[in-house]
Amino acid sequence: MAATEPTRAAPFGAISTFRVSRMLEDSLAALAGWNDARITRKSLGRLSDRELDDIGLCRGDIDLIARR
């Protein structure tokens, strides 16, 4: 006895709804990433040069660190 699953078309609007929800999810993830980078830049920018040197960074590294 072979088990087969018939293919059915998606209900009307299901694909569009999925694409819109995926776009919204991607947008929120991008916004969260941007906010994390902003907070990182702000926190590292508040440190003195001595404190940055203690953790092995310089002012020029702040943008590179925040992008990751």
PDB file of N, CA and C in Angstrom:
ATOM      1  N   MET A   1       0.845  -1.170   0.000  1.00  0.00           N
ATOM      2  CA  MET A   1       0.000   0.000   0.000  1.00  0.00           C
ATOM      3  C   MET A   1       0.895   1.239   0.000  1.00  0.00           C
ATOM      4  N   ALA A   2       0.718   2.067  -0.946  1.00  0.00           N
ATOM      5  CA  ALA A   2       1.536   3.268  -1.085  1.00  0.00           C
ATOM      6  C   ALA A   2       0.809   4.442  -0.447  1.00  0.00           C
ATOM      7  N   ALA A   3       1.577   5.211   0.283  1.00  0.00           N
ATOM      8  CA  ALA A   3       1.010   6.408   0.901  1.00  0.00           C
ATOM      9  C   ALA A   3       1.326   7.594   0.006  1.00  0.00           C
ATOM     10  N   THR A   4       0.316   8.235  -0.463  1.00  0.00           N
ATOM     11  CA  THR A   4       0.508   9.414  -1.300  1.00  0.00           C
ATOM     12  C   THR A   4      -0.251  10.569  -0.696  1.00  0.00           C
ATOM     13  N   GLU A   5       0.309  11.728  -0.889  1.00  0.00           N
ATOM     14  CA  GLU A   5      -0.373  12.931  -0.419  1.00  0.00           C
ATOM     15  C   GLU A   5      -0.724  13.764  -1.634  1.00  0.00           C
ATOM     16  N   PRO A   6      -1.972  14.000  -1.833  1.00  0.00           N
ATOM     17  CA  PRO A   6      -2.345  14.825  -2.985  1.00  0.00           C
ATOM     18  C   PRO A   6      -1.888  16.265  -2.761  1.00  0.00           C
ATOM     19  N   THR A   7      -1.489  16.899  -3.822  1.00  0.00           N
ATOM     20  CA  THR A   7      -1.088  18.299  -3.714  1.00  0.00           C
ATOM     21  C   THR A   7      -2.319  19.166  -3.871  1.00  0.00           C
ATOM     22  N   ARG A   8      -2.416  20.118  -3.004  1.00  0.00           N
ATOM     23  CA  ARG A   8      -3.542  21.049  -3.060  1.00  0.00           C
ATOM     24  C   ARG A   8      -3.004  22.453  -3.206  1.00  0.00           C
ATOM     25  N   ALA A   9      -3.741  23.275  -3.850  1.00  0.00           N
ATOM     26  CA  ALA A   9      -3.373  24.677  -3.964  1.00  0.00           C
ATOM     27  C   ALA A   9      -3.613  25.359  -2.621  1.00  0.00           C
ATOM     28  N   ALA A  10      -2.796  26.349  -2.327  1.00  0.00           N
ATOM     29  CA  ALA A  10      -2.963  27.099  -1.083  1.00  0.00           C
ATOM     30  C   ALA A  10      -4.277  27.878  -1.138  1.00  0.00           C
ATOM     31  N   PRO A  11      -4.890  28.069   0.006  1.00  0.00           N
ATOM     32  CA  PRO A  11      -6.128  28.855   0.028  1.00  0.00           C
ATOM     33  C   PRO A  11      -5.890  30.269  -0.505  1.00  0.00           C
ATOM     34  N   PHE A  12      -6.929  30.871  -1.017  1.00  0.00           N
ATOM     35  CA  PHE A  12      -6.830  32.209  -1.588  1.00  0.00           C
ATOM     36  C   PHE A  12      -6.245  33.187  -0.571  1.00  0.00           C
ATOM     37  N   GLY A  13      -5.192  33.864  -0.944  1.00  0.00           N
ATOM     38  CA  GLY A  13      -4.588  34.879  -0.090  1.00  0.00           C
ATOM     39  C   GLY A  13      -3.551  34.348   0.884  1.00  0.00           C
ATOM     40  N   ALA A  14      -3.374  33.046   0.987  1.00  0.00           N
ATOM     41  CA  ALA A  14      -2.435  32.489   1.966  1.00  0.00           C
ATOM     42  C   ALA A  14      -0.996  32.867   1.631  1.00  0.00           C
ATOM     43  N   ILE A  15      -0.652  32.815   0.360  1.00  0.00           N
ATOM     44  CA  ILE A  15       0.714  33.134  -0.040  1.00  0.00           C
ATOM     45  C   ILE A  15       0.996  34.612   0.170  1.00  0.00           C
ATOM     46  N   SER A  16       0.045  35.447  -0.168  1.00  0.00           N
ATOM     47  CA  SER A  16       0.222  36.885   0.041  1.00  0.00           C
ATOM     48  C   SER A  16       0.353  37.207   1.522  1.00  0.00           C
ATOM     49  N   THR A  17      -0.465  36.568   2.336  1.00  0.00           N
ATOM     50  CA  THR A  17      -0.396  36.779   3.784  1.00  0.00           C
ATOM     51  C   THR A  17       0.950  36.338   4.320  1.00  0.00           C
ATOM     52  N   PHE A  18       1.445  35.203   3.836  1.00  0.00           N
ATOM     53  CA  PHE A  18       2.759  34.716   4.262  1.00  0.00           C
ATOM     54  C   PHE A  18       3.854  35.701   3.881  1.00  0.00           C
ATOM     55  N   ARG A  19       3.810  36.216   2.649  1.00  0.00           N
ATOM     56  CA  ARG A  19       4.837  37.152   2.196  1.00  0.00           C
ATOM     57  C   ARG A  19       4.806  38.454   2.997  1.00  0.00           C
ATOM     58  N   VAL A  20       3.622  38.947   3.296  1.00  0.00           N
ATOM     59  CA  VAL A  20       3.507  40.181   4.081  1.00  0.00           C
ATOM     60  C   VAL A  20       4.029  39.954   5.498  1.00  0.00           C
ATOM     61  N   SER A  21       3.673  38.821   6.094  1.00  0.00           N
ATOM     62  CA  SER A  21       4.151  38.553   7.454  1.00  0.00           C
ATOM     63  C   SER A  21       5.661  38.357   7.461  1.00  0.00           C
ATOM     64  N   ARG A  22       6.218  37.725   6.429  1.00  0.00           N
ATOM     65  CA  ARG A  22       7.674  37.551   6.336  1.00  0.00           C
ATOM     66  C   ARG A  22       8.366  38.897   6.178  1.00  0.00           C
ATOM     67  N   MET A  23       7.795  39.789   5.362  1.00  0.00           N
ATOM     68  CA  MET A  23       8.369  41.117   5.172  1.00  0.00           C
ATOM     69  C   MET A  23       8.354  41.897   6.482  1.00  0.00           C
ATOM     70  N   LEU A  24       7.256  41.802   7.223  1.00  0.00           N
ATOM     71  CA  LEU A  24       7.159  42.480   8.507  1.00  0.00           C
ATOM     72  C   LEU A  24       8.182  41.917   9.489  1.00  0.00           C
ATOM     73  N   GLU A  25       8.322  40.607   9.518  1.00  0.00           N
ATOM     74  CA  GLU A  25       9.294  39.966  10.399  1.00  0.00           C
ATOM     75  C   GLU A  25      10.716  40.390  10.043  1.00  0.00           C
ATOM     76  N   ASP A  26      11.052  40.432   8.769  1.00  0.00           N
ATOM     77  CA  ASP A  26      12.383  40.855   8.328  1.00  0.00           C
ATOM     78  C   ASP A  26      12.639  42.317   8.674  1.00  0.00           C
ATOM     79  N   SER A  27      11.615  43.144   8.529  1.00  0.00           N
ATOM     80  CA  SER A  27      11.757  44.565   8.860  1.00  0.00           C
ATOM     81  C   SER A  27      12.004  44.754  10.349  1.00  0.00           C
ATOM     82  N   LEU A  28      11.286  44.018  11.165  1.00  0.00           N
ATOM     83  CA  LEU A  28      11.481  44.122  12.612  1.00  0.00           C
ATOM     84  C   LEU A  28      12.863  43.609  13.021  1.00  0.00           C
ATOM     85  N   ALA A  29      13.347  42.567  12.373  1.00  0.00           N
ATOM     86  CA  ALA A  29      14.688  42.051  12.671  1.00  0.00           C
ATOM     87  C   ALA A  29      15.750  43.073  12.280  1.00  0.00           C
ATOM     88  N   ALA A  30      15.563  43.732  11.141  1.00  0.00           N
ATOM     89  CA  ALA A  30      16.515  44.766  10.712  1.00  0.00           C
ATOM     90  C   ALA A  30      16.502  45.946  11.678  1.00  0.00           C
ATOM     91  N   LEU A  31      15.338  46.325  12.130  1.00  0.00           N
ATOM     92  CA  LEU A  31      15.219  47.419  13.094  1.00  0.00           C
ATOM     93  C   LEU A  31      15.884  47.054  14.413  1.00  0.00           C
ATOM     94  N   ALA A  32      15.700  45.840  14.872  1.00  0.00           N
ATOM     95  CA  ALA A  32      16.333  45.395  16.113  1.00  0.00           C
ATOM     96  C   ALA A  32      17.853  45.377  15.968  1.00  0.00           C
ATOM     97  N   GLY A  33      18.361  44.936  14.822  1.00  0.00           N
ATOM     98  CA  GLY A  33      19.801  44.938  14.581  1.00  0.00           C
ATOM     99  C   GLY A  33      20.369  46.349  14.559  1.00  0.00           C
ATOM    100  N   TRP A  34      19.657  47.255  13.911  1.00  0.00           N
ATOM    101  CA  TRP A  34      20.086  48.651  13.880  1.00  0.00           C
ATOM    102  C   TRP A  34      20.134  49.230  15.291  1.00  0.00           C
ATOM    103  N   ASN A  35      19.116  48.934  16.088  1.00  0.00           N
ATOM    104  CA  ASN A  35      19.065  49.458  17.449  1.00  0.00           C
ATOM    105  C   ASN A  35      20.193  48.882  18.304  1.00  0.00           C
ATOM    106  N   ASP A  36      20.491  47.606  18.150  1.00  0.00           N
ATOM    107  CA  ASP A  36      21.604  47.003  18.896  1.00  0.00           C
ATOM    108  C   ASP A  36      22.925  47.677  18.544  1.00  0.00           C
ATOM    109  N   ALA A  37      23.140  47.944  17.260  1.00  0.00           N
ATOM    110  CA  ALA A  37      24.370  48.614  16.827  1.00  0.00           C
ATOM    111  C   ALA A  37      24.431  50.031  17.385  1.00  0.00           C
ATOM    112  N   ARG A  38      23.298  50.707  17.415  1.00  0.00           N
ATOM    113  CA  ARG A  38      23.247  52.075  17.952  1.00  0.00           C
ATOM    114  C   ARG A  38      23.608  52.094  19.428  1.00  0.00           C
ATOM    115  N   ILE A  39      23.056  51.155  20.179  1.00  0.00           N
ATOM    116  CA  ILE A  39      23.333  51.088  21.615  1.00  0.00           C
ATOM    117  C   ILE A  39      24.800  50.743  21.860  1.00  0.00           C
ATOM    118  N   THR A  40      25.351  49.842  21.058  1.00  0.00           N
ATOM    119  CA  THR A  40      26.759  49.472  21.200  1.00  0.00           C
ATOM    120  C   THR A  40      27.656  50.670  20.925  1.00  0.00           C
ATOM    121  N   ARG A  41      27.388  51.387  19.830  1.00  0.00           N
ATOM    122  CA  ARG A  41      28.188  52.581  19.519  1.00  0.00           C
ATOM    123  C   ARG A  41      28.104  53.608  20.631  1.00  0.00           C
ATOM    124  N   LYS A  42      26.913  53.810  21.153  1.00  0.00           N
ATOM    125  CA  LYS A  42      26.723  54.806  22.207  1.00  0.00           C
ATOM    126  C   LYS A  42      27.470  54.410  23.481  1.00  0.00           C
ATOM    127  N   SER A  43      27.391  53.130  23.847  1.00  0.00           N
ATOM    128  CA  SER A  43      28.059  52.656  25.065  1.00  0.00           C
ATOM    129  C   SER A  43      29.577  52.738  24.936  1.00  0.00           C
ATOM    130  N   LEU A  44      30.101  52.286  23.805  1.00  0.00           N
ATOM    131  CA  LEU A  44      31.553  52.343  23.615  1.00  0.00           C
ATOM    132  C   LEU A  44      32.040  53.776  23.465  1.00  0.00           C
ATOM    133  N   GLY A  45      31.218  54.633  22.883  1.00  0.00           N
ATOM    134  CA  GLY A  45      31.593  56.037  22.729  1.00  0.00           C
ATOM    135  C   GLY A  45      31.712  56.773  24.050  1.00  0.00           C
ATOM    136  N   ARG A  46      31.034  56.300  25.060  1.00  0.00           N
ATOM    137  CA  ARG A  46      31.094  56.934  26.388  1.00  0.00           C
ATOM    138  C   ARG A  46      32.365  56.582  27.152  1.00  0.00           C
ATOM    139  N   LEU A  47      33.042  55.515  26.730  1.00  0.00           N
ATOM    140  CA  LEU A  47      34.251  55.103  27.428  1.00  0.00           C
ATOM    141  C   LEU A  47      35.403  56.046  27.112  1.00  0.00           C
ATOM    142  N   SER A  48      36.314  56.192  28.069  1.00  0.00           N
ATOM    143  CA  SER A  48      37.500  57.010  27.837  1.00  0.00           C
ATOM    144  C   SER A  48      38.489  56.219  26.983  1.00  0.00           C
ATOM    145  N   ASP A  49      39.488  56.928  26.463  1.00  0.00           N
ATOM    146  CA  ASP A  49      40.507  56.256  25.662  1.00  0.00           C
ATOM    147  C   ASP A  49      41.249  55.208  26.488  1.00  0.00           C
ATOM    148  N   ARG A  50      41.449  55.501  27.749  1.00  0.00           N
ATOM    149  CA  ARG A  50      42.125  54.557  28.645  1.00  0.00           C
ATOM    150  C   ARG A  50      41.289  53.275  28.815  1.00  0.00           C
ATOM    151  N   GLU A  51      39.972  53.436  29.018  1.00  0.00           N
ATOM    152  CA  GLU A  51      39.091  52.276  29.187  1.00  0.00           C
ATOM    153  C   GLU A  51      39.021  51.449  27.898  1.00  0.00           C
ATOM    154  N   LEU A  52      38.986  52.139  26.757  1.00  0.00           N
ATOM    155  CA  LEU A  52      38.980  51.417  25.485  1.00  0.00           C
ATOM    156  C   LEU A  52      40.286  50.645  25.303  1.00  0.00           C
ATOM    157  N   ASP A  53      41.403  51.264  25.693  1.00  0.00           N
ATOM    158  CA  ASP A  53      42.696  50.592  25.589  1.00  0.00           C
ATOM    159  C   ASP A  53      42.745  49.364  26.493  1.00  0.00           C
ATOM    160  N   ASP A  54      42.108  49.440  27.645  1.00  0.00           N
ATOM    161  CA  ASP A  54      42.076  48.303  28.574  1.00  0.00           C
ATOM    162  C   ASP A  54      41.377  47.085  27.957  1.00  0.00           C
ATOM    163  N   ILE A  55      40.393  47.318  27.116  1.00  0.00           N
ATOM    164  CA  ILE A  55      39.686  46.191  26.487  1.00  0.00           C
ATOM    165  C   ILE A  55      40.212  45.911  25.073  1.00  0.00           C
ATOM    166  N   GLY A  56      41.295  46.569  24.707  1.00  0.00           N
ATOM    167  CA  GLY A  56      41.956  46.283  23.440  1.00  0.00           C
ATOM    168  C   GLY A  56      41.331  46.949  22.233  1.00  0.00           C
ATOM    169  N   LEU A  57      40.701  48.088  22.429  1.00  0.00           N
ATOM    170  CA  LEU A  57      40.065  48.806  21.326  1.00  0.00           C
ATOM    171  C   LEU A  57      40.594  50.224  21.241  1.00  0.00           C
ATOM    172  N   CYS A  58      40.365  50.853  20.102  1.00  0.00           N
ATOM    173  CA  CYS A  58      40.610  52.284  19.959  1.00  0.00           C
ATOM    174  C   CYS A  58      39.332  52.905  19.391  1.00  0.00           C
ATOM    175  N   ARG A  59      39.287  54.213  19.335  1.00  0.00           N
ATOM    176  CA  ARG A  59      38.068  54.884  18.867  1.00  0.00           C
ATOM    177  C   ARG A  59      37.678  54.453  17.453  1.00  0.00           C
ATOM    178  N   GLY A  60      38.652  54.177  16.611  1.00  0.00           N
ATOM    179  CA  GLY A  60      38.385  53.770  15.240  1.00  0.00           C
ATOM    180  C   GLY A  60      37.729  52.406  15.129  1.00  0.00           C
ATOM    181  N   ASP A  61      37.825  51.601  16.186  1.00  0.00           N
ATOM    182  CA  ASP A  61      37.234  50.260  16.165  1.00  0.00           C
ATOM    183  C   ASP A  61      35.750  50.257  16.500  1.00  0.00           C
ATOM    184  N   ILE A  62      35.241  51.334  17.029  1.00  0.00           N
ATOM    185  CA  ILE A  62      33.860  51.354  17.537  1.00  0.00           C
ATOM    186  C   ILE A  62      32.857  51.043  16.423  1.00  0.00           C
ATOM    187  N   ASP A  63      32.982  51.674  15.274  1.00  0.00           N
ATOM    188  CA  ASP A  63      32.036  51.429  14.176  1.00  0.00           C
ATOM    189  C   ASP A  63      32.138  49.998  13.667  1.00  0.00           C
ATOM    190  N   LEU A  64      33.352  49.465  13.605  1.00  0.00           N
ATOM    191  CA  LEU A  64      33.527  48.084  13.146  1.00  0.00           C
ATOM    192  C   LEU A  64      32.866  47.091  14.113  1.00  0.00           C
ATOM    193  N   ILE A  65      33.030  47.329  15.399  1.00  0.00           N
ATOM    194  CA  ILE A  65      32.432  46.466  16.411  1.00  0.00           C
ATOM    195  C   ILE A  65      30.911  46.555  16.355  1.00  0.00           C
ATOM    196  N   ALA A  66      30.387  47.759  16.190  1.00  0.00           N
ATOM    197  CA  ALA A  66      28.933  47.953  16.188  1.00  0.00           C
ATOM    198  C   ALA A  66      28.270  47.304  14.978  1.00  0.00           C
ATOM    199  N   ARG A  67      28.990  47.190  13.853  1.00  0.00           N
ATOM    200  CA  ARG A  67      28.400  46.581  12.649  1.00  0.00           C
ATOM    201  C   ARG A  67      28.232  45.088  12.760  1.00  0.00           C
ATOM    202  N   ARG A  68      29.019  44.458  13.613  1.00  0.00           N
ATOM    203  CA  ARG A  68      28.957  42.992  13.749  1.00  0.00           C
ATOM    204  C   ARG A  68      27.748  42.532  14.466  1.00  0.00           C
TER     205      ARG A  68
END
